[in-house]
Amino acid sequence: MSELKDRVSKEIITAMKAKDKIRLNVLRYLKKLFIENDTAKKPVPEMDIVISHAKKIKDSISLYPAGSPQALELQEEVIVMEEFLPKQLSEEEVIAMINEIKASQEKPNMGSVMKELSARTKGQFDGKKATELVKANL
């Protein structure tokens, strides 16, 4: 079992002991996604599953009015998911990467810079914000 799966399993036990229902539900769903991935024809890295699920939860928050019980519950779920995500990069760090990528390419263009930036920042920075930063810095 991978380190991430082990960590989720241990956190499930901790959440059960603490009777933290929201945390327990998020962790159980995450474990279910890992199990489904194990049986898939083309399994993806576990971190990609965590990143994808966290993004879905964040996107779902905008569907509910601010302060509604559903929105508050989703915000709690995001907090739980963020514990398993890699360290997020700041805009300054991403801009520095963009400048480094531009300097390493003969003719930097949007596509080539985004391709390399996406590979370097996967799961550590929002893709939409990265696109905006690349456009602003080209």
N, C-alpha and C. Protein backbone atom coordinates (compact mmCIF):
# COMPACT_ATOMS: atom_id res chain seq x y z
N MET A 1 0.84 -1.17 0.00
CA MET A 1 0.00 0.00 0.00
C MET A 1 0.89 1.24 0.00
N SER A 2 0.48 2.25 -0.73
CA SER A 2 1.30 3.44 -0.83
C SER A 2 1.22 4.28 0.45
N GLU A 3 2.12 5.22 0.54
CA GLU A 3 2.20 6.08 1.72
C GLU A 3 0.91 6.90 1.87
N LEU A 4 0.39 7.41 0.76
CA LEU A 4 -0.82 8.22 0.81
C LEU A 4 -2.03 7.39 1.24
N LYS A 5 -2.14 6.18 0.71
CA LYS A 5 -3.25 5.30 1.11
C LYS A 5 -3.15 4.96 2.60
N ASP A 6 -1.94 4.67 3.07
CA ASP A 6 -1.74 4.37 4.49
C ASP A 6 -2.16 5.55 5.36
N ARG A 7 -1.77 6.73 4.92
CA ARG A 7 -2.09 7.94 5.68
C ARG A 7 -3.61 8.14 5.75
N VAL A 8 -4.29 7.94 4.62
CA VAL A 8 -5.75 8.09 4.60
C VAL A 8 -6.39 7.06 5.53
N SER A 9 -5.92 5.83 5.48
CA SER A 9 -6.47 4.78 6.35
C SER A 9 -6.29 5.12 7.82
N LYS A 10 -5.13 5.62 8.18
CA LYS A 10 -4.88 6.01 9.58
C LYS A 10 -5.76 7.19 9.98
N GLU A 11 -5.93 8.13 9.06
CA GLU A 11 -6.77 9.30 9.35
C GLU A 11 -8.23 8.90 9.51
N ILE A 12 -8.67 7.86 8.79
CA ILE A 12 -10.04 7.37 8.94
C ILE A 12 -10.26 6.86 10.36
N ILE A 13 -9.29 6.11 10.86
CA ILE A 13 -9.39 5.58 12.23
C ILE A 13 -9.43 6.73 13.24
N THR A 14 -8.58 7.73 13.03
CA THR A 14 -8.55 8.88 13.92
C THR A 14 -9.88 9.63 13.89
N ALA A 15 -10.43 9.82 12.69
CA ALA A 15 -11.71 10.52 12.55
C ALA A 15 -12.85 9.73 13.20
N MET A 16 -12.78 8.41 13.10
CA MET A 16 -13.81 7.58 13.74
C MET A 16 -13.76 7.73 15.25
N LYS A 17 -12.55 7.72 15.80
CA LYS A 17 -12.40 7.87 17.25
C LYS A 17 -12.86 9.25 17.71
N ALA A 18 -12.61 10.27 16.88
CA ALA A 18 -12.99 11.64 17.23
C ALA A 18 -14.46 11.92 16.91
N LYS A 19 -15.11 11.00 16.22
CA LYS A 19 -16.51 11.14 15.79
C LYS A 19 -16.71 12.39 14.94
N ASP A 20 -15.73 12.64 14.07
CA ASP A 20 -15.78 13.77 13.14
C ASP A 20 -16.39 13.28 11.83
N LYS A 21 -17.69 13.48 11.68
CA LYS A 21 -18.42 12.89 10.56
C LYS A 21 -18.00 13.44 9.20
N ILE A 22 -17.83 14.75 9.11
CA ILE A 22 -17.48 15.33 7.81
C ILE A 22 -16.12 14.82 7.37
N ARG A 23 -15.15 14.87 8.27
CA ARG A 23 -13.80 14.38 7.95
C ARG A 23 -13.83 12.90 7.58
N LEU A 24 -14.59 12.13 8.33
CA LEU A 24 -14.70 10.70 8.07
C LEU A 24 -15.29 10.43 6.69
N ASN A 25 -16.35 11.17 6.34
CA ASN A 25 -16.97 10.98 5.02
C ASN A 25 -16.01 11.33 3.89
N VAL A 26 -15.27 12.42 4.04
CA VAL A 26 -14.31 12.82 3.00
C VAL A 26 -13.23 11.75 2.85
N LEU A 27 -12.70 11.28 3.96
CA LEU A 27 -11.62 10.29 3.91
C LEU A 27 -12.10 8.96 3.35
N ARG A 28 -13.31 8.56 3.73
CA ARG A 28 -13.85 7.31 3.19
C ARG A 28 -14.07 7.41 1.68
N TYR A 29 -14.56 8.56 1.24
CA TYR A 29 -14.77 8.74 -0.20
C TYR A 29 -13.42 8.71 -0.94
N LEU A 30 -12.43 9.33 -0.35
CA LEU A 30 -11.10 9.33 -0.95
C LEU A 30 -10.55 7.91 -1.03
N LYS A 31 -10.74 7.13 0.02
CA LYS A 31 -10.28 5.73 0.01
C LYS A 31 -11.02 4.94 -1.07
N LYS A 32 -12.32 5.21 -1.23
CA LYS A 32 -13.12 4.56 -2.27
C LYS A 32 -12.55 4.89 -3.65
N LEU A 33 -12.18 6.15 -3.85
CA LEU A 33 -11.59 6.55 -5.14
C LEU A 33 -10.27 5.81 -5.38
N PHE A 34 -9.48 5.63 -4.34
CA PHE A 34 -8.22 4.89 -4.48
C PHE A 34 -8.48 3.44 -4.88
N ILE A 35 -9.47 2.82 -4.25
CA ILE A 35 -9.80 1.42 -4.55
C ILE A 35 -10.30 1.30 -5.99
N GLU A 36 -11.16 2.23 -6.41
CA GLU A 36 -11.64 2.21 -7.80
C GLU A 36 -10.48 2.38 -8.77
N ASN A 37 -9.54 3.23 -8.41
CA ASN A 37 -8.38 3.46 -9.27
C ASN A 37 -7.52 2.20 -9.39
N ASP A 38 -7.40 1.46 -8.31
CA ASP A 38 -6.61 0.22 -8.33
C ASP A 38 -7.18 -0.80 -9.31
N THR A 39 -8.49 -0.79 -9.47
CA THR A 39 -9.13 -1.76 -10.36
C THR A 39 -9.35 -1.21 -11.77
N ALA A 40 -8.99 0.05 -12.00
CA ALA A 40 -9.19 0.67 -13.31
C ALA A 40 -8.21 0.10 -14.33
N LYS A 41 -8.60 0.17 -15.61
CA LYS A 41 -7.71 -0.31 -16.67
C LYS A 41 -6.46 0.56 -16.77
N LYS A 42 -6.66 1.87 -16.61
CA LYS A 42 -5.53 2.80 -16.67
C LYS A 42 -5.49 3.59 -15.36
N PRO A 43 -4.85 3.03 -14.34
CA PRO A 43 -4.80 3.75 -13.06
C PRO A 43 -3.97 5.03 -13.18
N VAL A 44 -4.36 6.03 -12.40
CA VAL A 44 -3.64 7.30 -12.37
C VAL A 44 -2.94 7.42 -11.02
N PRO A 45 -1.94 8.29 -10.92
CA PRO A 45 -1.27 8.47 -9.63
C PRO A 45 -2.27 8.93 -8.55
N GLU A 46 -2.06 8.47 -7.34
CA GLU A 46 -2.98 8.80 -6.25
C GLU A 46 -3.07 10.29 -5.99
N MET A 47 -1.95 11.00 -6.13
CA MET A 47 -1.98 12.44 -5.89
C MET A 47 -2.90 13.13 -6.90
N ASP A 48 -2.96 12.61 -8.13
CA ASP A 48 -3.87 13.18 -9.13
C ASP A 48 -5.32 13.01 -8.70
N ILE A 49 -5.62 11.90 -8.04
CA ILE A 49 -6.98 11.67 -7.54
C ILE A 49 -7.31 12.70 -6.47
N VAL A 50 -6.39 12.94 -5.57
CA VAL A 50 -6.60 13.91 -4.49
C VAL A 50 -6.78 15.31 -5.08
N ILE A 51 -5.92 15.67 -6.02
CA ILE A 51 -6.00 16.99 -6.65
C ILE A 51 -7.34 17.17 -7.35
N SER A 52 -7.73 16.17 -8.11
CA SER A 52 -8.98 16.23 -8.86
C SER A 52 -10.18 16.36 -7.93
N HIS A 53 -10.21 15.56 -6.88
CA HIS A 53 -11.35 15.60 -5.96
C HIS A 53 -11.39 16.94 -5.22
N ALA A 54 -10.24 17.46 -4.81
CA ALA A 54 -10.20 18.75 -4.12
C ALA A 54 -10.73 19.86 -5.03
N LYS A 55 -10.36 19.80 -6.30
CA LYS A 55 -10.82 20.81 -7.25
C LYS A 55 -12.33 20.73 -7.44
N LYS A 56 -12.87 19.51 -7.50
CA LYS A 56 -14.32 19.34 -7.65
C LYS A 56 -15.06 19.93 -6.46
N ILE A 57 -14.53 19.71 -5.28
CA ILE A 57 -15.18 20.25 -4.08
C ILE A 57 -15.13 21.77 -4.11
N LYS A 58 -13.98 22.34 -4.46
CA LYS A 58 -13.86 23.80 -4.53
C LYS A 58 -14.83 24.39 -5.55
N ASP A 59 -14.97 23.73 -6.69
CA ASP A 59 -15.89 24.20 -7.72
C ASP A 59 -17.34 24.11 -7.24
N SER A 60 -17.65 23.11 -6.44
CA SER A 60 -19.02 22.92 -5.95
C SER A 60 -19.44 24.02 -4.98
N ILE A 61 -18.50 24.61 -4.29
CA ILE A 61 -18.83 25.65 -3.31
C ILE A 61 -19.56 26.81 -3.97
N SER A 62 -19.16 27.16 -5.20
CA SER A 62 -19.78 28.29 -5.89
C SER A 62 -21.23 28.03 -6.28
N LEU A 63 -21.68 26.79 -6.24
CA LEU A 63 -23.06 26.46 -6.60
C LEU A 63 -24.05 26.84 -5.50
N TYR A 64 -23.57 27.02 -4.29
CA TYR A 64 -24.44 27.30 -3.16
C TYR A 64 -24.26 28.75 -2.70
N PRO A 65 -25.31 29.36 -2.16
CA PRO A 65 -25.18 30.72 -1.64
C PRO A 65 -24.17 30.76 -0.48
N ALA A 66 -23.46 31.86 -0.38
CA ALA A 66 -22.47 32.00 0.69
C ALA A 66 -23.16 31.90 2.04
N GLY A 67 -22.59 31.15 2.94
CA GLY A 67 -23.13 31.01 4.28
C GLY A 67 -24.18 29.92 4.42
N SER A 68 -24.55 29.29 3.31
CA SER A 68 -25.53 28.21 3.40
C SER A 68 -24.89 26.99 4.05
N PRO A 69 -25.69 26.12 4.66
CA PRO A 69 -25.12 24.93 5.31
C PRO A 69 -24.31 24.06 4.35
N GLN A 70 -24.78 23.94 3.11
CA GLN A 70 -24.05 23.12 2.13
C GLN A 70 -22.69 23.73 1.81
N ALA A 71 -22.65 25.06 1.64
CA ALA A 71 -21.38 25.73 1.34
C ALA A 71 -20.41 25.59 2.50
N LEU A 72 -20.92 25.73 3.72
CA LEU A 72 -20.04 25.60 4.89
C LEU A 72 -19.49 24.19 5.02
N GLU A 73 -20.32 23.20 4.74
CA GLU A 73 -19.86 21.81 4.81
C GLU A 73 -18.79 21.55 3.74
N LEU A 74 -19.01 22.09 2.54
CA LEU A 74 -18.02 21.92 1.47
C LEU A 74 -16.71 22.60 1.83
N GLN A 75 -16.78 23.75 2.50
CA GLN A 75 -15.55 24.43 2.91
C GLN A 75 -14.78 23.58 3.92
N GLU A 76 -15.50 22.91 4.80
CA GLU A 76 -14.84 22.00 5.75
C GLU A 76 -14.19 20.83 5.01
N GLU A 77 -14.86 20.34 3.97
CA GLU A 77 -14.30 19.25 3.18
C GLU A 77 -13.02 19.70 2.47
N VAL A 78 -13.02 20.94 1.98
CA VAL A 78 -11.82 21.47 1.32
C VAL A 78 -10.65 21.51 2.31
N ILE A 79 -10.93 21.91 3.53
CA ILE A 79 -9.88 21.97 4.55
C ILE A 79 -9.28 20.59 4.78
N VAL A 80 -10.13 19.56 4.82
CA VAL A 80 -9.64 18.19 4.99
C VAL A 80 -8.79 17.79 3.79
N MET A 81 -9.27 18.08 2.58
CA MET A 81 -8.55 17.69 1.36
C MET A 81 -7.19 18.38 1.26
N GLU A 82 -7.13 19.64 1.70
CA GLU A 82 -5.88 20.39 1.58
C GLU A 82 -4.75 19.78 2.41
N GLU A 83 -5.09 18.99 3.42
CA GLU A 83 -4.06 18.32 4.21
C GLU A 83 -3.28 17.31 3.37
N PHE A 84 -3.90 16.81 2.32
CA PHE A 84 -3.28 15.77 1.50
C PHE A 84 -2.69 16.32 0.21
N LEU A 85 -2.89 17.60 -0.07
CA LEU A 85 -2.35 18.21 -1.28
C LEU A 85 -0.90 18.62 -1.06
N PRO A 86 -0.13 18.67 -2.15
CA PRO A 86 1.25 19.16 -2.02
C PRO A 86 1.23 20.66 -1.66
N LYS A 87 2.35 21.14 -1.15
CA LYS A 87 2.48 22.56 -0.78
C LYS A 87 2.14 23.43 -1.99
N GLN A 88 1.28 24.42 -1.77
CA GLN A 88 0.88 25.31 -2.85
C GLN A 88 1.95 26.38 -3.08
N LEU A 89 2.17 26.71 -4.35
CA LEU A 89 3.16 27.71 -4.72
C LEU A 89 2.53 29.10 -4.71
N SER A 90 3.34 30.11 -4.43
CA SER A 90 2.85 31.49 -4.48
C SER A 90 2.95 32.00 -5.92
N GLU A 91 2.27 33.11 -6.19
CA GLU A 91 2.32 33.70 -7.53
C GLU A 91 3.76 34.10 -7.88
N GLU A 92 4.49 34.61 -6.90
CA GLU A 92 5.87 35.04 -7.15
C GLU A 92 6.74 33.85 -7.59
N GLU A 93 6.54 32.71 -6.94
CA GLU A 93 7.31 31.52 -7.30
C GLU A 93 6.97 31.06 -8.72
N VAL A 94 5.69 31.15 -9.08
CA VAL A 94 5.27 30.73 -10.42
C VAL A 94 5.79 31.71 -11.46
N ILE A 95 5.77 33.00 -11.16
CA ILE A 95 6.31 33.99 -12.10
C ILE A 95 7.80 33.75 -12.31
N ALA A 96 8.51 33.42 -11.24
CA ALA A 96 9.94 33.11 -11.37
C ALA A 96 10.15 31.89 -12.27
N MET A 97 9.29 30.87 -12.12
CA MET A 97 9.37 29.69 -12.99
C MET A 97 9.10 30.07 -14.44
N ILE A 98 8.11 30.92 -14.67
CA ILE A 98 7.77 31.35 -16.03
C ILE A 98 8.97 32.04 -16.66
N ASN A 99 9.60 32.94 -15.92
CA ASN A 99 10.78 33.65 -16.45
C ASN A 99 11.93 32.69 -16.73
N GLU A 100 12.10 31.70 -15.86
CA GLU A 100 13.14 30.69 -16.06
C GLU A 100 12.87 29.87 -17.32
N ILE A 101 11.61 29.49 -17.52
CA ILE A 101 11.23 28.71 -18.70
C ILE A 101 11.43 29.54 -19.96
N LYS A 102 11.02 30.81 -19.91
CA LYS A 102 11.19 31.70 -21.08
C LYS A 102 12.67 31.83 -21.43
N ALA A 103 13.52 31.95 -20.42
CA ALA A 103 14.95 32.11 -20.67
C ALA A 103 15.57 30.85 -21.27
N SER A 104 15.01 29.70 -20.95
CA SER A 104 15.58 28.44 -21.44
C SER A 104 15.11 28.09 -22.86
N GLN A 105 14.12 28.80 -23.38
CA GLN A 105 13.59 28.50 -24.71
C GLN A 105 14.03 29.57 -25.70
N GLU A 106 14.30 29.12 -26.95
CA GLU A 106 14.71 30.08 -27.97
C GLU A 106 13.57 31.02 -28.33
N LYS A 107 12.42 30.44 -28.66
CA LYS A 107 11.25 31.24 -29.02
C LYS A 107 10.09 30.83 -28.12
N PRO A 108 10.04 31.41 -26.93
CA PRO A 108 8.96 31.01 -26.03
C PRO A 108 7.59 31.46 -26.55
N ASN A 109 6.64 30.54 -26.52
CA ASN A 109 5.27 30.90 -26.85
C ASN A 109 4.36 30.35 -25.76
N MET A 110 3.11 30.74 -25.83
CA MET A 110 2.15 30.36 -24.78
C MET A 110 2.10 28.85 -24.56
N GLY A 111 2.00 28.10 -25.64
CA GLY A 111 1.86 26.65 -25.54
C GLY A 111 3.06 25.97 -24.92
N SER A 112 4.25 26.34 -25.38
CA SER A 112 5.45 25.67 -24.87
C SER A 112 5.71 26.03 -23.40
N VAL A 113 5.47 27.29 -23.05
CA VAL A 113 5.68 27.71 -21.67
C VAL A 113 4.65 27.03 -20.75
N MET A 114 3.39 26.99 -21.18
CA MET A 114 2.35 26.36 -20.36
C MET A 114 2.60 24.87 -20.19
N LYS A 115 3.09 24.22 -21.25
CA LYS A 115 3.35 22.78 -21.16
C LYS A 115 4.38 22.49 -20.07
N GLU A 116 5.47 23.23 -20.10
CA GLU A 116 6.52 22.99 -19.10
C GLU A 116 6.08 23.44 -17.71
N LEU A 117 5.38 24.57 -17.64
CA LEU A 117 4.91 25.07 -16.35
C LEU A 117 3.91 24.10 -15.72
N SER A 118 3.03 23.54 -16.52
CA SER A 118 2.05 22.58 -16.01
C SER A 118 2.74 21.35 -15.43
N ALA A 119 3.78 20.89 -16.11
CA ALA A 119 4.51 19.72 -15.62
C ALA A 119 5.21 20.03 -14.29
N ARG A 120 5.73 21.23 -14.15
CA ARG A 120 6.45 21.59 -12.92
C ARG A 120 5.53 21.87 -11.74
N THR A 121 4.34 22.42 -12.02
CA THR A 121 3.48 22.88 -10.92
C THR A 121 2.26 22.01 -10.69
N LYS A 122 2.22 20.83 -11.26
CA LYS A 122 1.03 19.98 -11.17
C LYS A 122 0.58 19.83 -9.72
N GLY A 123 -0.65 20.26 -9.46
CA GLY A 123 -1.23 20.14 -8.13
C GLY A 123 -0.77 21.19 -7.14
N GLN A 124 0.15 22.05 -7.54
CA GLN A 124 0.68 23.03 -6.62
C GLN A 124 0.22 24.44 -6.92
N PHE A 125 -0.47 24.61 -8.06
CA PHE A 125 -0.94 25.94 -8.44
C PHE A 125 -2.12 25.78 -9.39
N ASP A 126 -3.08 26.68 -9.30
CA ASP A 126 -4.28 26.63 -10.13
C ASP A 126 -3.93 26.89 -11.59
N GLY A 127 -4.40 26.02 -12.47
CA GLY A 127 -4.11 26.12 -13.90
C GLY A 127 -4.63 27.40 -14.54
N LYS A 128 -5.81 27.85 -14.12
CA LYS A 128 -6.38 29.08 -14.69
C LYS A 128 -5.52 30.29 -14.33
N LYS A 129 -5.10 30.36 -13.09
CA LYS A 129 -4.24 31.46 -12.66
C LYS A 129 -2.89 31.39 -13.38
N ALA A 130 -2.39 30.18 -13.58
CA ALA A 130 -1.12 30.01 -14.28
C ALA A 130 -1.22 30.53 -15.70
N THR A 131 -2.33 30.24 -16.37
CA THR A 131 -2.53 30.72 -17.74
C THR A 131 -2.53 32.24 -17.77
N GLU A 132 -3.22 32.87 -16.82
CA GLU A 132 -3.25 34.33 -16.75
C GLU A 132 -1.85 34.90 -16.53
N LEU A 133 -1.08 34.26 -15.65
CA LEU A 133 0.28 34.75 -15.38
C LEU A 133 1.18 34.60 -16.60
N VAL A 134 1.04 33.50 -17.34
CA VAL A 134 1.85 33.30 -18.54
C VAL A 134 1.50 34.36 -19.57
N LYS A 135 0.21 34.62 -19.77
CA LYS A 135 -0.22 35.65 -20.73
C LYS A 135 0.36 37.01 -20.35
N ALA A 136 0.33 37.33 -19.07
CA ALA A 136 0.82 38.62 -18.60
C ALA A 136 2.34 38.74 -18.72
N ASN A 137 3.05 37.62 -18.68
CA ASN A 137 4.51 37.66 -18.68
C ASN A 137 5.16 37.31 -20.01
N LEU A 138 4.38 37.09 -21.05
CA LEU A 138 4.98 36.81 -22.37
C LEU A 138 5.12 38.06 -23.18
